[in-house]
Structures are given as structure tokens and as C-alpha cells.
Amino acid sequence: MATVNLTEENFERTIKEGLVLVDFYADWCGPCKMLAPVLEELAGEVADATVAKVNVDDARALAIEYKVSSIPHVILFKDGEIVEQDLGFKPKEVLLEWINKHR
């Protein structure tokens, strides 16, 4: 499955059930561009988790709500609650470890 683009309208509905890995990013961000193919690959490998992206330029309210001050900022939600988060580029193995830890 490909990554899911989240907006202020569909964010809460998407994160409320299951594991959802959310990347807060911007199109102009170099490290975000490096992370994008990692997330696409991960999305194709994990059937029981959703991999999603939030463009902070388009969804400023979400960035403020989740205190995103630097990007990329990756948050793993489980049933709507934050269980892991970190900022900066993350290799696929780290993100997969997060998901496996909370399955």
C-alpha cells in the first residue's frame, strides 16, 4: 500500500484505530525528500500499519497541535495515542522496529 496523505479534515479519523506512522514534512525540506522513498518502501511492506504524511505547509494547525517545530518529524500512533516520535531522517529499520514493538 502507498503512503496516505493526511489533512486537517481526515487526520483524527485516520489515527484513531490501529498503528499509524505519520511523517510531518514539507516539499522544500531536503531530509524530508530523503525520507519519502523509505516511507513508500515501508508502506509496501507492512500490511497491518498505515504509513501517512502531513504537509506542514498545508496543515499548520496539525503541526502546531503536535508541536512539530522541525521536520521531518515522525510520530507513531497506536489507537490515537502517541507511542513513539522523533525528528530527523530515520532509516527504515528504525521505523520498522517502532512498528514491531507496538504490534
PDB file of N, CA and C in Angstrom:
ATOM      1  N   MET A   1       0.849  -1.179   0.000  1.00  0.00           N
ATOM      2  CA  MET A   1       0.000   0.000   0.000  1.00  0.00           C
ATOM      3  C   MET A   1       0.894   1.241   0.000  1.00  0.00           C
ATOM      4  N   ALA A   2       0.477   2.261  -0.679  1.00  0.00           N
ATOM      5  CA  ALA A   2       1.219   3.524  -0.735  1.00  0.00           C
ATOM      6  C   ALA A   2       0.954   4.347   0.524  1.00  0.00           C
ATOM      7  N   THR A   3       1.762   5.377   0.707  1.00  0.00           N
ATOM      8  CA  THR A   3       1.531   6.270   1.837  1.00  0.00           C
ATOM      9  C   THR A   3       0.222   7.029   1.632  1.00  0.00           C
ATOM     10  N   VAL A   4      -0.396   7.405   2.735  1.00  0.00           N
ATOM     11  CA  VAL A   4      -1.668   8.121   2.731  1.00  0.00           C
ATOM     12  C   VAL A   4      -1.397   9.585   3.047  1.00  0.00           C
ATOM     13  N   ASN A   5      -1.965  10.494   2.274  1.00  0.00           N
ATOM     14  CA  ASN A   5      -1.827  11.917   2.560  1.00  0.00           C
ATOM     15  C   ASN A   5      -2.920  12.334   3.530  1.00  0.00           C
ATOM     16  N   LEU A   6      -2.509  12.910   4.652  1.00  0.00           N
ATOM     17  CA  LEU A   6      -3.474  13.345   5.663  1.00  0.00           C
ATOM     18  C   LEU A   6      -3.634  14.859   5.626  1.00  0.00           C
ATOM     19  N   THR A   7      -4.843  15.286   5.957  1.00  0.00           N
ATOM     20  CA  THR A   7      -5.183  16.700   6.035  1.00  0.00           C
ATOM     21  C   THR A   7      -5.807  16.954   7.403  1.00  0.00           C
ATOM     22  N   GLU A   8      -6.096  18.189   7.683  1.00  0.00           N
ATOM     23  CA  GLU A   8      -6.773  18.511   8.939  1.00  0.00           C
ATOM     24  C   GLU A   8      -8.147  17.849   8.999  1.00  0.00           C
ATOM     25  N   GLU A   9      -8.753  17.597   7.842  1.00  0.00           N
ATOM     26  CA  GLU A   9     -10.082  17.006   7.794  1.00  0.00           C
ATOM     27  C   GLU A   9     -10.079  15.501   8.083  1.00  0.00           C
ATOM     28  N   ASN A  10      -9.055  14.767   7.650  1.00  0.00           N
ATOM     29  CA  ASN A  10      -9.090  13.314   7.816  1.00  0.00           C
ATOM     30  C   ASN A  10      -8.084  12.775   8.840  1.00  0.00           C
ATOM     31  N   PHE A  11      -7.332  13.630   9.479  1.00  0.00           N
ATOM     32  CA  PHE A  11      -6.267  13.199  10.378  1.00  0.00           C
ATOM     33  C   PHE A  11      -6.789  12.373  11.559  1.00  0.00           C
ATOM     34  N   GLU A  12      -7.687  12.940  12.338  1.00  0.00           N
ATOM     35  CA  GLU A  12      -8.182  12.267  13.550  1.00  0.00           C
ATOM     36  C   GLU A  12      -8.849  10.937  13.220  1.00  0.00           C
ATOM     37  N   ARG A  13      -9.618  10.903  12.168  1.00  0.00           N
ATOM     38  CA  ARG A  13     -10.313   9.682  11.751  1.00  0.00           C
ATOM     39  C   ARG A  13      -9.296   8.590  11.384  1.00  0.00           C
ATOM     40  N   THR A  14      -8.190   8.984  10.771  1.00  0.00           N
ATOM     41  CA  THR A  14      -7.188   8.025  10.318  1.00  0.00           C
ATOM     42  C   THR A  14      -6.367   7.467  11.468  1.00  0.00           C
ATOM     43  N   ILE A  15      -5.991   8.294  12.438  1.00  0.00           N
ATOM     44  CA  ILE A  15      -5.097   7.825  13.507  1.00  0.00           C
ATOM     45  C   ILE A  15      -5.828   7.120  14.647  1.00  0.00           C
ATOM     46  N   LYS A  16      -7.148   7.163  14.671  1.00  0.00           N
ATOM     47  CA  LYS A  16      -7.869   6.685  15.856  1.00  0.00           C
ATOM     48  C   LYS A  16      -7.839   5.173  16.055  1.00  0.00           C
ATOM     49  N   GLU A  17      -7.575   4.384  15.013  1.00  0.00           N
ATOM     50  CA  GLU A  17      -7.544   2.929  15.157  1.00  0.00           C
ATOM     51  C   GLU A  17      -6.292   2.339  14.535  1.00  0.00           C
ATOM     52  N   GLY A  18      -5.679   1.415  15.262  1.00  0.00           N
ATOM     53  CA  GLY A  18      -4.517   0.702  14.749  1.00  0.00           C
ATOM     54  C   GLY A  18      -3.237   1.499  14.843  1.00  0.00           C
ATOM     55  N   LEU A  19      -2.215   0.997  14.147  1.00  0.00           N
ATOM     56  CA  LEU A  19      -0.916   1.663  14.105  1.00  0.00           C
ATOM     57  C   LEU A  19      -0.843   2.564  12.887  1.00  0.00           C
ATOM     58  N   VAL A  20      -0.490   3.821  13.124  1.00  0.00           N
ATOM     59  CA  VAL A  20      -0.364   4.794  12.032  1.00  0.00           C
ATOM     60  C   VAL A  20       0.939   5.561  12.237  1.00  0.00           C
ATOM     61  N   LEU A  21       1.835   5.421  11.276  1.00  0.00           N
ATOM     62  CA  LEU A  21       3.101   6.144  11.290  1.00  0.00           C
ATOM     63  C   LEU A  21       2.921   7.405  10.450  1.00  0.00           C
ATOM     64  N   VAL A  22       3.075   8.566  11.073  1.00  0.00           N
ATOM     65  CA  VAL A  22       2.823   9.837  10.400  1.00  0.00           C
ATOM     66  C   VAL A  22       4.123  10.627  10.272  1.00  0.00           C
ATOM     67  N   ASP A  23       4.409  11.033   9.038  1.00  0.00           N
ATOM     68  CA  ASP A  23       5.563  11.871   8.742  1.00  0.00           C
ATOM     69  C   ASP A  23       5.079  13.297   8.507  1.00  0.00           C
ATOM     70  N   PHE A  24       5.473  14.214   9.370  1.00  0.00           N
ATOM     71  CA  PHE A  24       5.211  15.634   9.157  1.00  0.00           C
ATOM     72  C   PHE A  24       6.368  16.160   8.318  1.00  0.00           C
ATOM     73  N   TYR A  25       6.069  16.712   7.142  1.00  0.00           N
ATOM     74  CA  TYR A  25       7.103  17.077   6.180  1.00  0.00           C
ATOM     75  C   TYR A  25       6.721  18.362   5.439  1.00  0.00           C
ATOM     76  N   ALA A  26       7.649  18.821   4.591  1.00  0.00           N
ATOM     77  CA  ALA A  26       7.373  19.917   3.653  1.00  0.00           C
ATOM     78  C   ALA A  26       8.087  19.586   2.343  1.00  0.00           C
ATOM     79  N   ASP A  27       7.522  20.044   1.244  1.00  0.00           N
ATOM     80  CA  ASP A  27       8.095  19.764  -0.078  1.00  0.00           C
ATOM     81  C   ASP A  27       9.498  20.344  -0.246  1.00  0.00           C
ATOM     82  N   TRP A  28       9.804  21.432   0.432  1.00  0.00           N
ATOM     83  CA  TRP A  28      11.087  22.114   0.286  1.00  0.00           C
ATOM     84  C   TRP A  28      12.181  21.545   1.193  1.00  0.00           C
ATOM     85  N   CYS A  29      11.859  20.588   2.022  1.00  0.00           N
ATOM     86  CA  CYS A  29      12.770  20.045   3.047  1.00  0.00           C
ATOM     87  C   CYS A  29      13.628  18.917   2.481  1.00  0.00           C
ATOM     88  N   GLY A  30      14.943  19.106   2.472  1.00  0.00           N
ATOM     89  CA  GLY A  30      15.866  18.099   1.956  1.00  0.00           C
ATOM     90  C   GLY A  30      15.794  16.758   2.672  1.00  0.00           C
ATOM     91  N   PRO A  31      15.917  16.723   4.012  1.00  0.00           N
ATOM     92  CA  PRO A  31      15.812  15.444   4.715  1.00  0.00           C
ATOM     93  C   PRO A  31      14.440  14.771   4.524  1.00  0.00           C
ATOM     94  N   CYS A  32      13.402  15.575   4.346  1.00  0.00           N
ATOM     95  CA  CYS A  32      12.067  15.017   4.086  1.00  0.00           C
ATOM     96  C   CYS A  32      12.052  14.279   2.755  1.00  0.00           C
ATOM     97  N   LYS A  33      12.742  14.841   1.761  1.00  0.00           N
ATOM     98  CA  LYS A  33      12.828  14.190   0.446  1.00  0.00           C
ATOM     99  C   LYS A  33      13.612  12.884   0.535  1.00  0.00           C
ATOM    100  N   MET A  34      14.591  12.825   1.423  1.00  0.00           N
ATOM    101  CA  MET A  34      15.348  11.590   1.631  1.00  0.00           C
ATOM    102  C   MET A  34      14.490  10.525   2.310  1.00  0.00           C
ATOM    103  N   LEU A  35      13.600  10.956   3.190  1.00  0.00           N
ATOM    104  CA  LEU A  35      12.761  10.027   3.941  1.00  0.00           C
ATOM    105  C   LEU A  35      11.606   9.478   3.101  1.00  0.00           C
ATOM    106  N   ALA A  36      11.142  10.227   2.121  1.00  0.00           N
ATOM    107  CA  ALA A  36       9.967   9.839   1.329  1.00  0.00           C
ATOM    108  C   ALA A  36      10.072   8.437   0.729  1.00  0.00           C
ATOM    109  N   PRO A  37      11.164   8.073   0.040  1.00  0.00           N
ATOM    110  CA  PRO A  37      11.218   6.721  -0.521  1.00  0.00           C
ATOM    111  C   PRO A  37      11.296   5.626   0.543  1.00  0.00           C
ATOM    112  N   VAL A  38      11.880   5.943   1.693  1.00  0.00           N
ATOM    113  CA  VAL A  38      11.925   4.995   2.809  1.00  0.00           C
ATOM    114  C   VAL A  38      10.506   4.692   3.268  1.00  0.00           C
ATOM    115  N   LEU A  39       9.681   5.736   3.382  1.00  0.00           N
ATOM    116  CA  LEU A  39       8.298   5.556   3.817  1.00  0.00           C
ATOM    117  C   LEU A  39       7.486   4.789   2.789  1.00  0.00           C
ATOM    118  N   GLU A  40       7.704   5.069   1.509  1.00  0.00           N
ATOM    119  CA  GLU A  40       6.996   4.333   0.450  1.00  0.00           C
ATOM    120  C   GLU A  40       7.343   2.851   0.512  1.00  0.00           C
ATOM    121  N   GLU A  41       8.613   2.545   0.702  1.00  0.00           N
ATOM    122  CA  GLU A  41       9.053   1.152   0.799  1.00  0.00           C
ATOM    123  C   GLU A  41       8.432   0.484   2.022  1.00  0.00           C
ATOM    124  N   LEU A  42       8.447   1.178   3.145  1.00  0.00           N
ATOM    125  CA  LEU A  42       7.873   0.660   4.378  1.00  0.00           C
ATOM    126  C   LEU A  42       6.379   0.409   4.210  1.00  0.00           C
ATOM    127  N   ALA A  43       5.691   1.329   3.563  1.00  0.00           N
ATOM    128  CA  ALA A  43       4.245   1.186   3.351  1.00  0.00           C
ATOM    129  C   ALA A  43       3.933  -0.079   2.547  1.00  0.00           C
ATOM    130  N   GLY A  44       4.824  -0.440   1.634  1.00  0.00           N
ATOM    131  CA  GLY A  44       4.626  -1.645   0.845  1.00  0.00           C
ATOM    132  C   GLY A  44       4.912  -2.929   1.607  1.00  0.00           C
ATOM    133  N   GLU A  45       5.588  -2.818   2.733  1.00  0.00           N
ATOM    134  CA  GLU A  45       5.999  -3.996   3.500  1.00  0.00           C
ATOM    135  C   GLU A  45       5.134  -4.283   4.718  1.00  0.00           C
ATOM    136  N   VAL A  46       4.465  -3.287   5.259  1.00  0.00           N
ATOM    137  CA  VAL A  46       3.672  -3.501   6.479  1.00  0.00           C
ATOM    138  C   VAL A  46       2.184  -3.427   6.146  1.00  0.00           C
ATOM    139  N   ALA A  47       1.529  -4.567   6.265  1.00  0.00           N
ATOM    140  CA  ALA A  47       0.111  -4.620   5.930  1.00  0.00           C
ATOM    141  C   ALA A  47      -0.772  -4.199   7.100  1.00  0.00           C
ATOM    142  N   ASP A  48      -0.250  -4.304   8.313  1.00  0.00           N
ATOM    143  CA  ASP A  48      -1.069  -4.038   9.491  1.00  0.00           C
ATOM    144  C   ASP A  48      -0.835  -2.659  10.092  1.00  0.00           C
ATOM    145  N   ALA A  49      -0.170  -1.777   9.361  1.00  0.00           N
ATOM    146  CA  ALA A  49       0.050  -0.397   9.816  1.00  0.00           C
ATOM    147  C   ALA A  49      -0.131   0.534   8.627  1.00  0.00           C
ATOM    148  N   THR A  50      -0.599   1.736   8.916  1.00  0.00           N
ATOM    149  CA  THR A  50      -0.755   2.764   7.893  1.00  0.00           C
ATOM    150  C   THR A  50       0.438   3.695   7.955  1.00  0.00           C
ATOM    151  N   VAL A  51       0.990   4.011   6.801  1.00  0.00           N
ATOM    152  CA  VAL A  51       2.082   4.983   6.718  1.00  0.00           C
ATOM    153  C   VAL A  51       1.500   6.222   6.051  1.00  0.00           C
ATOM    154  N   ALA A  52       1.578   7.351   6.747  1.00  0.00           N
ATOM    155  CA  ALA A  52       0.900   8.563   6.286  1.00  0.00           C
ATOM    156  C   ALA A  52       1.830   9.766   6.334  1.00  0.00           C
ATOM    157  N   LYS A  53       1.443  10.810   5.605  1.00  0.00           N
ATOM    158  CA  LYS A  53       2.227  12.039   5.530  1.00  0.00           C
ATOM    159  C   LYS A  53       1.320  13.247   5.758  1.00  0.00           C
ATOM    160  N   VAL A  54       1.861  14.238   6.444  1.00  0.00           N
ATOM    161  CA  VAL A  54       1.167  15.505   6.652  1.00  0.00           C
ATOM    162  C   VAL A  54       2.090  16.620   6.176  1.00  0.00           C
ATOM    163  N   ASN A  55       1.646  17.374   5.191  1.00  0.00           N
ATOM    164  CA  ASN A  55       2.408  18.521   4.709  1.00  0.00           C
ATOM    165  C   ASN A  55       2.169  19.677   5.685  1.00  0.00           C
ATOM    166  N   VAL A  56       3.215  20.082   6.397  1.00  0.00           N
ATOM    167  CA  VAL A  56       3.053  21.112   7.436  1.00  0.00           C
ATOM    168  C   VAL A  56       2.685  22.474   6.856  1.00  0.00           C
ATOM    169  N   ASP A  57       3.001  22.710   5.596  1.00  0.00           N
ATOM    170  CA  ASP A  57       2.616  23.974   4.973  1.00  0.00           C
ATOM    171  C   ASP A  57       1.116  24.021   4.695  1.00  0.00           C
ATOM    172  N   ASP A  58       0.522  22.863   4.466  1.00  0.00           N
ATOM    173  CA  ASP A  58      -0.915  22.781   4.188  1.00  0.00           C
ATOM    174  C   ASP A  58      -1.747  22.535   5.437  1.00  0.00           C
ATOM    175  N   ALA A  59      -1.136  22.003   6.480  1.00  0.00           N
ATOM    176  CA  ALA A  59      -1.872  21.642   7.700  1.00  0.00           C
ATOM    177  C   ALA A  59      -1.159  22.218   8.919  1.00  0.00           C
ATOM    178  N   ARG A  60      -1.060  23.524   8.944  1.00  0.00           N
ATOM    179  CA  ARG A  60      -0.349  24.199  10.041  1.00  0.00           C
ATOM    180  C   ARG A  60      -0.956  23.916  11.413  1.00  0.00           C
ATOM    181  N   ALA A  61      -2.264  23.805  11.479  1.00  0.00           N
ATOM    182  CA  ALA A  61      -2.916  23.556  12.765  1.00  0.00           C
ATOM    183  C   ALA A  61      -2.473  22.211  13.349  1.00  0.00           C
ATOM    184  N   LEU A  62      -2.320  21.199  12.507  1.00  0.00           N
ATOM    185  CA  LEU A  62      -1.845  19.897  12.989  1.00  0.00           C
ATOM    186  C   LEU A  62      -0.396  19.986  13.456  1.00  0.00           C
ATOM    187  N   ALA A  63       0.420  20.704  12.719  1.00  0.00           N
ATOM    188  CA  ALA A  63       1.817  20.878  13.121  1.00  0.00           C
ATOM    189  C   ALA A  63       1.900  21.562  14.485  1.00  0.00           C
ATOM    190  N   ILE A  64       1.065  22.551  14.699  1.00  0.00           N
ATOM    191  CA  ILE A  64       1.042  23.252  15.987  1.00  0.00           C
ATOM    192  C   ILE A  64       0.525  22.327  17.081  1.00  0.00           C
ATOM    193  N   GLU A  65      -0.560  21.617  16.809  1.00  0.00           N
ATOM    194  CA  GLU A  65      -1.161  20.722  17.803  1.00  0.00           C
ATOM    195  C   GLU A  65      -0.167  19.658  18.280  1.00  0.00           C
ATOM    196  N   TYR A  66       0.627  19.132  17.358  1.00  0.00           N
ATOM    197  CA  TYR A  66       1.579  18.072  17.709  1.00  0.00           C
ATOM    198  C   TYR A  66       2.995  18.599  17.948  1.00  0.00           C
ATOM    199  N   LYS A  67       3.108  19.911  18.118  1.00  0.00           N
ATOM    200  CA  LYS A  67       4.364  20.573  18.490  1.00  0.00           C
ATOM    201  C   LYS A  67       5.515  20.224  17.544  1.00  0.00           C
ATOM    202  N   VAL A  68       5.213  20.260  16.260  1.00  0.00           N
ATOM    203  CA  VAL A  68       6.214  19.980  15.241  1.00  0.00           C
ATOM    204  C   VAL A  68       6.967  21.278  14.964  1.00  0.00           C
ATOM    205  N   SER A  69       8.204  21.352  15.448  1.00  0.00           N
ATOM    206  CA  SER A  69       8.999  22.560  15.257  1.00  0.00           C
ATOM    207  C   SER A  69      10.123  22.354  14.250  1.00  0.00           C
ATOM    208  N   SER A  70      10.475  21.095  13.986  1.00  0.00           N
ATOM    209  CA  SER A  70      11.477  20.741  12.987  1.00  0.00           C
ATOM    210  C   SER A  70      10.940  19.580  12.169  1.00  0.00           C
ATOM    211  N   ILE A  71      11.371  19.513  10.920  1.00  0.00           N
ATOM    212  CA  ILE A  71      10.913  18.428  10.065  1.00  0.00           C
ATOM    213  C   ILE A  71      12.108  17.769   9.390  1.00  0.00           C
ATOM    214  N   PRO A  72      11.991  16.504   9.008  1.00  0.00           N
ATOM    215  CA  PRO A  72      10.838  15.648   9.219  1.00  0.00           C
ATOM    216  C   PRO A  72      10.670  15.301  10.704  1.00  0.00           C
ATOM    217  N   HIS A  73       9.434  15.150  11.095  1.00  0.00           N
ATOM    218  CA  HIS A  73       9.058  14.774  12.459  1.00  0.00           C
ATOM    219  C   HIS A  73       8.126  13.584  12.309  1.00  0.00           C
ATOM    220  N   VAL A  74       8.547  12.444  12.789  1.00  0.00           N
ATOM    221  CA  VAL A  74       7.787  11.212  12.601  1.00  0.00           C
ATOM    222  C   VAL A  74       7.157  10.806  13.930  1.00  0.00           C
ATOM    223  N   ILE A  75       5.852  10.508  13.879  1.00  0.00           N
ATOM    224  CA  ILE A  75       5.114  10.093  15.072  1.00  0.00           C
ATOM    225  C   ILE A  75       4.399   8.786  14.766  1.00  0.00           C
ATOM    226  N   LEU A  76       4.515   7.817  15.675  1.00  0.00           N
ATOM    227  CA  LEU A  76       3.759   6.579  15.565  1.00  0.00           C
ATOM    228  C   LEU A  76       2.609   6.634  16.556  1.00  0.00           C
ATOM    229  N   PHE A  77       1.404   6.500  16.032  1.00  0.00           N
ATOM    230  CA  PHE A  77       0.199   6.473  16.847  1.00  0.00           C
ATOM    231  C   PHE A  77      -0.296   5.038  16.953  1.00  0.00           C
ATOM    232  N   LYS A  78      -0.791   4.664  18.122  1.00  0.00           N
ATOM    233  CA  LYS A  78      -1.492   3.389  18.302  1.00  0.00           C
ATOM    234  C   LYS A  78      -2.843   3.713  18.910  1.00  0.00           C
ATOM    235  N   ASP A  79      -3.886   3.443  18.149  1.00  0.00           N
ATOM    236  CA  ASP A  79      -5.256   3.734  18.575  1.00  0.00           C
ATOM    237  C   ASP A  79      -5.407   5.183  19.046  1.00  0.00           C
ATOM    238  N   GLY A  80      -4.795   6.099  18.302  1.00  0.00           N
ATOM    239  CA  GLY A  80      -4.938   7.523  18.558  1.00  0.00           C
ATOM    240  C   GLY A  80      -3.967   8.118  19.560  1.00  0.00           C
ATOM    241  N   GLU A  81      -3.153   7.281  20.196  1.00  0.00           N
ATOM    242  CA  GLU A  81      -2.199   7.761  21.197  1.00  0.00           C
ATOM    243  C   GLU A  81      -0.783   7.702  20.639  1.00  0.00           C
ATOM    244  N   ILE A  82       0.030   8.701  20.971  1.00  0.00           N
ATOM    245  CA  ILE A  82       1.433   8.712  20.544  1.00  0.00           C
ATOM    246  C   ILE A  82       2.196   7.665  21.353  1.00  0.00           C
ATOM    247  N   VAL A  83       2.890   6.754  20.622  1.00  0.00           N
ATOM    248  CA  VAL A  83       3.709   5.743  21.299  1.00  0.00           C
ATOM    249  C   VAL A  83       5.198   5.902  20.988  1.00  0.00           C
ATOM    250  N   GLU A  84       5.526   6.558  19.892  1.00  0.00           N
ATOM    251  CA  GLU A  84       6.917   6.850  19.532  1.00  0.00           C
ATOM    252  C   GLU A  84       6.924   8.150  18.741  1.00  0.00           C
ATOM    253  N   GLN A  85       8.023   8.898  18.852  1.00  0.00           N
ATOM    254  CA  GLN A  85       8.198  10.059  17.986  1.00  0.00           C
ATOM    255  C   GLN A  85       9.649  10.508  18.021  1.00  0.00           C
ATOM    256  N   ASP A  86      10.075  11.086  16.916  1.00  0.00           N
ATOM    257  CA  ASP A  86      11.430  11.605  16.826  1.00  0.00           C
ATOM    258  C   ASP A  86      11.495  12.515  15.611  1.00  0.00           C
ATOM    259  N   LEU A  87      12.526  13.343  15.562  1.00  0.00           N
ATOM    260  CA  LEU A  87      12.659  14.211  14.402  1.00  0.00           C
ATOM    261  C   LEU A  87      13.931  13.884  13.652  1.00  0.00           C
ATOM    262  N   GLY A  88      13.941  14.269  12.389  1.00  0.00           N
ATOM    263  CA  GLY A  88      15.070  13.981  11.524  1.00  0.00           C
ATOM    264  C   GLY A  88      14.857  12.708  10.726  1.00  0.00           C
ATOM    265  N   PHE A  89      15.768  12.476   9.801  1.00  0.00           N
ATOM    266  CA  PHE A  89      15.716  11.279   8.960  1.00  0.00           C
ATOM    267  C   PHE A  89      15.847  10.031   9.820  1.00  0.00           C
ATOM    268  N   LYS A  90      15.040   9.027   9.531  1.00  0.00           N
ATOM    269  CA  LYS A  90      15.108   7.739  10.219  1.00  0.00           C
ATOM    270  C   LYS A  90      15.240   6.636   9.175  1.00  0.00           C
ATOM    271  N   PRO A  91      16.176   5.708   9.352  1.00  0.00           N
ATOM    272  CA  PRO A  91      16.253   4.585   8.418  1.00  0.00           C
ATOM    273  C   PRO A  91      15.046   3.663   8.588  1.00  0.00           C
ATOM    274  N   LYS A  92      14.758   2.919   7.550  1.00  0.00           N
ATOM    275  CA  LYS A  92      13.591   2.033   7.553  1.00  0.00           C
ATOM    276  C   LYS A  92      13.636   1.069   8.743  1.00  0.00           C
ATOM    277  N   GLU A  93      14.822   0.580   9.087  1.00  0.00           N
ATOM    278  CA  GLU A  93      14.941  -0.386  10.174  1.00  0.00           C
ATOM    279  C   GLU A  93      14.451   0.181  11.505  1.00  0.00           C
ATOM    280  N   VAL A  94      14.720   1.438  11.756  1.00  0.00           N
ATOM    281  CA  VAL A  94      14.273   2.082  12.997  1.00  0.00           C
ATOM    282  C   VAL A  94      12.747   2.185  13.012  1.00  0.00           C
ATOM    283  N   LEU A  95      12.171   2.617  11.899  1.00  0.00           N
ATOM    284  CA  LEU A  95      10.716   2.761  11.829  1.00  0.00           C
ATOM    285  C   LEU A  95      10.030   1.404  11.923  1.00  0.00           C
ATOM    286  N   LEU A  96      10.606   0.394  11.296  1.00  0.00           N
ATOM    287  CA  LEU A  96      10.052  -0.955  11.373  1.00  0.00           C
ATOM    288  C   LEU A  96      10.149  -1.489  12.805  1.00  0.00           C
ATOM    289  N   GLU A  97      11.225  -1.173  13.486  1.00  0.00           N
ATOM    290  CA  GLU A  97      11.384  -1.568  14.892  1.00  0.00           C
ATOM    291  C   GLU A  97      10.277  -0.939  15.746  1.00  0.00           C
ATOM    292  N   TRP A  98       9.984   0.338  15.499  1.00  0.00           N
ATOM    293  CA  TRP A  98       8.884   1.004  16.231  1.00  0.00           C
ATOM    294  C   TRP A  98       7.583   0.240  16.021  1.00  0.00           C
ATOM    295  N   ILE A  99       7.278  -0.044  14.757  1.00  0.00           N
ATOM    296  CA  ILE A  99       6.018  -0.718  14.427  1.00  0.00           C
ATOM    297  C   ILE A  99       5.975  -2.098  15.079  1.00  0.00           C
ATOM    298  N   ASN A 100       7.042  -2.869  14.949  1.00  0.00           N
ATOM    299  CA  ASN A 100       7.080  -4.213  15.533  1.00  0.00           C
ATOM    300  C   ASN A 100       6.921  -4.179  17.050  1.00  0.00           C
ATOM    301  N   LYS A 101       7.472  -3.177  17.689  1.00  0.00           N
ATOM    302  CA  LYS A 101       7.408  -3.032  19.144  1.00  0.00           C
ATOM    303  C   LYS A 101       5.967  -2.826  19.633  1.00  0.00           C
ATOM    304  N   HIS A 102       5.124  -2.233  18.791  1.00  0.00           N
ATOM    305  CA  HIS A 102       3.770  -1.861  19.231  1.00  0.00           C
ATOM    306  C   HIS A 102       2.663  -2.678  18.560  1.00  0.00           C
ATOM    307  N   ARG A 103       3.031  -3.724  17.856  1.00  0.00           N
ATOM    308  CA  ARG A 103       2.023  -4.589  17.204  1.00  0.00           C
ATOM    309  C   ARG A 103       1.217  -5.323  18.242  1.00  0.00           C
TER     310      ARG A 103
END
